[in-house]
């Protein structure tokens, strides 16, 4: 049973366990909290952060891969926040 538990623990490190969403308004003069950032992260800090910026004229959707809780792409304050919060709620 102990060996099985060790195998299971090793396997779940690679599965998404930290998920968090933050809604925000990037444009002070319009709309509400229609924009969002969501992080999907495993125990090792690998995953993706998906964000959407909403304005009256258009919507932009962005996906940034993560390794060790970092991305090679520039992260917004909201994306960094959601990564931190997902990490804190992971496991």
Protein backbone atom coordinates (compact mmCIF):
# COMPACT_ATOMS: atom_id res chain seq x y z
CA UNK A 1 0.00 0.00 0.00
CA UNK A 2 2.85 2.40 0.82
CA UNK A 3 4.44 1.79 -2.58
CA UNK A 4 1.10 2.42 -4.29
CA UNK A 5 0.71 5.68 -2.36
CA UNK A 6 4.21 6.78 -3.42
CA UNK A 7 3.40 6.04 -7.07
CA UNK A 8 0.12 7.95 -6.85
CA UNK A 9 1.80 10.94 -5.19
CA UNK A 10 4.45 11.04 -7.90
CA UNK A 11 1.85 10.89 -10.66
CA UNK A 12 -0.37 13.66 -9.28
CA UNK A 13 2.55 16.11 -9.19
CA UNK A 14 2.09 16.37 -12.96
CA UNK A 15 -1.68 16.94 -12.90
CA UNK A 16 -3.33 20.35 -12.63
CA UNK A 17 -4.18 20.95 -8.99
CA UNK A 18 -3.98 24.71 -8.58
CA UNK A 19 -6.72 26.63 -10.39
CA UNK A 20 -7.59 30.23 -9.67
CA UNK A 21 -9.46 33.00 -11.51
CA UNK A 22 -9.24 36.74 -10.95
CA UNK A 23 -11.65 39.17 -12.62
CA UNK A 24 -10.63 42.78 -13.17
CA UNK A 25 -11.28 45.97 -15.12
CA UNK A 26 -8.19 47.07 -17.09
CA UNK A 27 -9.91 50.16 -18.48
CA UNK A 28 -11.05 52.59 -15.79
CA UNK A 29 -13.39 54.50 -18.11
CA UNK A 30 -15.59 51.64 -19.31
CA UNK A 31 -17.28 48.39 -18.39
CA UNK A 32 -16.94 46.39 -15.24
CA UNK A 33 -14.89 43.40 -14.22
CA UNK A 34 -15.39 41.58 -17.53
CA UNK A 35 -11.70 40.80 -18.03
CA UNK A 36 -10.11 37.82 -16.29
CA UNK A 37 -6.97 35.78 -15.75
CA UNK A 38 -7.08 32.08 -14.91
CA UNK A 39 -4.10 29.91 -13.98
CA UNK A 40 -3.96 26.12 -14.29
CA UNK A 41 -0.84 24.85 -12.52
CA UNK A 42 0.57 21.53 -11.33
CA UNK A 43 2.69 20.95 -8.21
CA UNK A 44 5.88 21.74 -10.13
CA UNK A 45 4.60 25.13 -11.30
CA UNK A 46 4.05 24.04 -14.89
CA UNK A 47 0.86 24.92 -16.70
CA UNK A 48 -0.76 27.88 -18.38
CA UNK A 49 -2.30 31.23 -17.54
CA UNK A 50 -5.17 32.28 -19.80
CA UNK A 51 -6.35 35.86 -19.77
CA UNK A 52 -9.01 37.86 -21.54
CA UNK A 53 -9.07 41.63 -21.91
CA UNK A 54 -12.55 42.92 -22.59
CA UNK A 55 -13.42 46.33 -23.99
CA UNK A 56 -16.52 47.59 -25.74
CA UNK A 57 -14.85 47.33 -29.14
CA UNK A 58 -13.08 43.99 -28.84
CA UNK A 59 -11.93 41.08 -26.72
CA UNK A 60 -8.36 39.79 -26.65
CA UNK A 61 -7.54 36.30 -25.38
CA UNK A 62 -4.01 35.32 -24.40
CA UNK A 63 -2.43 32.03 -23.30
CA UNK A 64 1.01 32.01 -21.71
CA UNK A 65 2.76 28.74 -20.87
CA UNK A 66 4.31 28.40 -17.43
CA UNK A 67 7.35 26.52 -16.20
CA UNK A 68 8.24 26.68 -12.53
CA UNK A 69 5.60 29.42 -12.04
CA UNK A 70 7.28 31.63 -14.67
CA UNK A 71 6.58 32.47 -18.28
CA UNK A 72 8.88 33.48 -21.09
CA UNK A 73 6.19 36.05 -21.96
CA UNK A 74 5.64 39.25 -20.03
CA UNK A 75 2.97 38.81 -17.36
CA UNK A 76 0.47 41.43 -16.25
CA UNK A 77 -0.04 42.23 -12.57
CA UNK A 78 -3.29 40.25 -12.65
CA UNK A 79 -1.59 37.23 -14.25
CA UNK A 80 1.18 37.28 -11.64
CA UNK A 81 -1.46 37.56 -8.90
CA UNK A 82 -3.47 34.60 -10.16
CA UNK A 83 -0.31 32.47 -10.48
CA UNK A 84 0.62 33.28 -6.88
CA UNK A 85 -2.89 32.58 -5.60
CA UNK A 86 -3.09 29.32 -7.55
CA UNK A 87 0.26 28.29 -6.13
CA UNK A 88 -0.88 29.09 -2.58
CA UNK A 89 -4.03 26.96 -3.02
CA UNK A 90 -2.24 24.07 -4.73
CA UNK A 91 -2.17 20.74 -2.94
